[in-house]
Amino acid sequence: MDLPYLKKIARSLLAKNLAKVYYTPKVWQTELATIMEKTYGGVCYAGIDTDPELKYPKGAGRVGFNNDKSYIAAISGRFVQLQIADIDKR
């Protein structure tokens, strides 16, 4: 089972700077965190939404940022290029 990528932070900060990522390919949470860290910096949390019964990824995730600058950059960009193995998704 893939556990969420999480750094030690205050819960209030995580709830404030949480961005939703849609149409994610089959990706590990640490891979999503690494991509977003390289693109925007300041990643403190990454999680993939899964079906509660089937435990299968829904194709969406969440990324938390530890600062407003990175969070604003991520939501202002609206799109990020996810390149994982042979998959290239925008």
C-alpha atoms as a PDB file:
ATOM      1  CA  MET A   1       0.000   0.000   0.000  1.00  0.00           C
ATOM      2  CA  ASP A   2       1.281   3.442  -0.920  1.00  0.00           C
ATOM      3  CA  LEU A   3       1.374   5.732   2.112  1.00  0.00           C
ATOM      4  CA  PRO A   4       0.941   9.507   1.791  1.00  0.00           C
ATOM      5  CA  TYR A   5       4.078  11.581   1.413  1.00  0.00           C
ATOM      6  CA  LEU A   6       4.085  13.771   4.531  1.00  0.00           C
ATOM      7  CA  LYS A   7       6.619  16.043   6.212  1.00  0.00           C
ATOM      8  CA  LYS A   8       6.178  17.321   9.765  1.00  0.00           C
ATOM      9  CA  ILE A   9       4.040  20.458   9.574  1.00  0.00           C
ATOM     10  CA  ALA A  10       1.194  22.138  11.410  1.00  0.00           C
ATOM     11  CA  ARG A  11      -2.229  20.786  10.387  1.00  0.00           C
ATOM     12  CA  SER A  12      -3.584  24.327  10.025  1.00  0.00           C
ATOM     13  CA  LEU A  13      -0.908  25.091   7.431  1.00  0.00           C
ATOM     14  CA  LEU A  14      -1.726  21.943   5.456  1.00  0.00           C
ATOM     15  CA  ALA A  15      -5.446  22.704   5.377  1.00  0.00           C
ATOM     16  CA  LYS A  16      -4.725  26.238   4.171  1.00  0.00           C
ATOM     17  CA  ASN A  17      -2.385  25.386   1.281  1.00  0.00           C
ATOM     18  CA  LEU A  18      -3.874  22.211  -0.217  1.00  0.00           C
ATOM     19  CA  ALA A  19      -4.214  21.990  -4.011  1.00  0.00           C
ATOM     20  CA  LYS A  20      -6.234  19.350  -5.867  1.00  0.00           C
ATOM     21  CA  VAL A  21      -4.584  17.554  -8.802  1.00  0.00           C
ATOM     22  CA  TYR A  22      -6.949  15.919 -11.320  1.00  0.00           C
ATOM     23  CA  TYR A  23      -6.354  13.348 -14.079  1.00  0.00           C
ATOM     24  CA  THR A  24      -3.259  11.862 -12.488  1.00  0.00           C
ATOM     25  CA  PRO A  25      -1.866   8.750 -14.153  1.00  0.00           C
ATOM     26  CA  LYS A  26      -1.108   5.706 -12.015  1.00  0.00           C
ATOM     27  CA  VAL A  27       1.576   7.308  -9.891  1.00  0.00           C
ATOM     28  CA  TRP A  28       3.031   6.775  -6.427  1.00  0.00           C
ATOM     29  CA  GLN A  29       2.458   9.545  -3.930  1.00  0.00           C
ATOM     30  CA  THR A  30       6.193  10.115  -3.567  1.00  0.00           C
ATOM     31  CA  GLU A  31       6.468  10.529  -7.358  1.00  0.00           C
ATOM     32  CA  LEU A  32       3.700  13.139  -7.322  1.00  0.00           C
ATOM     33  CA  ALA A  33       5.456  14.929  -4.444  1.00  0.00           C
ATOM     34  CA  THR A  34       8.789  14.889  -6.302  1.00  0.00           C
ATOM     35  CA  ILE A  35       7.287  16.285  -9.517  1.00  0.00           C
ATOM     36  CA  MET A  36       5.449  19.056  -7.690  1.00  0.00           C
ATOM     37  CA  GLU A  37       8.526  19.844  -5.568  1.00  0.00           C
ATOM     38  CA  LYS A  38      10.694  20.229  -8.686  1.00  0.00           C
ATOM     39  CA  THR A  39       8.037  22.400 -10.351  1.00  0.00           C
ATOM     40  CA  TYR A  40       6.852  24.618  -7.475  1.00  0.00           C
ATOM     41  CA  GLY A  41       8.880  23.789  -4.345  1.00  0.00           C
ATOM     42  CA  GLY A  42       7.604  23.733  -0.780  1.00  0.00           C
ATOM     43  CA  VAL A  43       5.754  20.395  -0.950  1.00  0.00           C
ATOM     44  CA  CYS A  44       4.982  18.985   2.487  1.00  0.00           C
ATOM     45  CA  TYR A  45       2.199  16.515   1.612  1.00  0.00           C
ATOM     46  CA  ALA A  46       1.068  14.468  -1.375  1.00  0.00           C
ATOM     47  CA  GLY A  47      -1.778  11.984  -1.446  1.00  0.00           C
ATOM     48  CA  ILE A  48      -3.650  10.023  -4.103  1.00  0.00           C
ATOM     49  CA  ASP A  49      -7.448   9.659  -3.801  1.00  0.00           C
ATOM     50  CA  THR A  50      -8.498   6.006  -3.686  1.00  0.00           C
ATOM     51  CA  ASP A  51     -11.844   4.239  -3.754  1.00  0.00           C
ATOM     52  CA  PRO A  52     -12.627   3.246  -0.144  1.00  0.00           C
ATOM     53  CA  GLU A  53     -13.969  -0.192  -1.076  1.00  0.00           C
ATOM     54  CA  LEU A  54     -11.688  -1.204  -3.927  1.00  0.00           C
ATOM     55  CA  LYS A  55      -8.555   0.614  -2.684  1.00  0.00           C
ATOM     56  CA  TYR A  56      -7.925   1.603  -6.318  1.00  0.00           C
ATOM     57  CA  PRO A  57      -6.744   5.094  -7.383  1.00  0.00           C
ATOM     58  CA  LYS A  58      -9.487   7.436  -8.604  1.00  0.00           C
ATOM     59  CA  GLY A  59      -7.173   9.475 -10.854  1.00  0.00           C
ATOM     60  CA  ALA A  60      -6.901  12.501  -8.580  1.00  0.00           C
ATOM     61  CA  GLY A  61      -4.734  13.605  -5.703  1.00  0.00           C
ATOM     62  CA  ARG A  62      -3.890  16.399  -3.295  1.00  0.00           C
ATOM     63  CA  VAL A  63      -0.671  18.304  -2.745  1.00  0.00           C
ATOM     64  CA  GLY A  64       0.019  20.434   0.331  1.00  0.00           C
ATOM     65  CA  PHE A  65       2.518  23.282   0.343  1.00  0.00           C
ATOM     66  CA  ASN A  66       4.374  24.746   3.316  1.00  0.00           C
ATOM     67  CA  ASN A  67       4.305  28.312   1.990  1.00  0.00           C
ATOM     68  CA  ASP A  68       1.880  30.627   0.219  1.00  0.00           C
ATOM     69  CA  LYS A  69       4.255  31.394  -2.678  1.00  0.00           C
ATOM     70  CA  SER A  70       4.455  27.761  -3.840  1.00  0.00           C
ATOM     71  CA  TYR A  71       0.726  27.224  -3.332  1.00  0.00           C
ATOM     72  CA  ILE A  72      -0.201  30.344  -5.341  1.00  0.00           C
ATOM     73  CA  ALA A  73       2.217  29.310  -8.120  1.00  0.00           C
ATOM     74  CA  ALA A  74       0.649  25.839  -8.284  1.00  0.00           C
ATOM     75  CA  ILE A  75      -2.958  27.009  -8.478  1.00  0.00           C
ATOM     76  CA  SER A  76      -2.114  29.916 -10.795  1.00  0.00           C
ATOM     77  CA  GLY A  77      -0.371  27.585 -13.242  1.00  0.00           C
ATOM     78  CA  ARG A  78      -3.590  25.547 -13.562  1.00  0.00           C
ATOM     79  CA  PHE A  79      -1.707  22.745 -15.380  1.00  0.00           C
ATOM     80  CA  VAL A  80       1.432  20.756 -14.647  1.00  0.00           C
ATOM     81  CA  GLN A  81       3.120  18.272 -16.975  1.00  0.00           C
ATOM     82  CA  LEU A  82       3.335  14.843 -15.307  1.00  0.00           C
ATOM     83  CA  GLN A  83       5.973  12.664 -16.960  1.00  0.00           C
ATOM     84  CA  ILE A  84       6.163   9.232 -15.374  1.00  0.00           C
ATOM     85  CA  ALA A  85       7.872   6.364 -17.198  1.00  0.00           C
ATOM     86  CA  ASP A  86       6.226   6.234 -20.653  1.00  0.00           C
ATOM     87  CA  ILE A  87       3.229   8.369 -19.598  1.00  0.00           C
ATOM     88  CA  ASP A  88       3.168  12.083 -20.388  1.00  0.00           C
ATOM     89  CA  LYS A  89       0.062  13.778 -19.006  1.00  0.00           C
ATOM     90  CA  ARG A  90      -0.899  17.458 -18.781  1.00  0.00           C
END
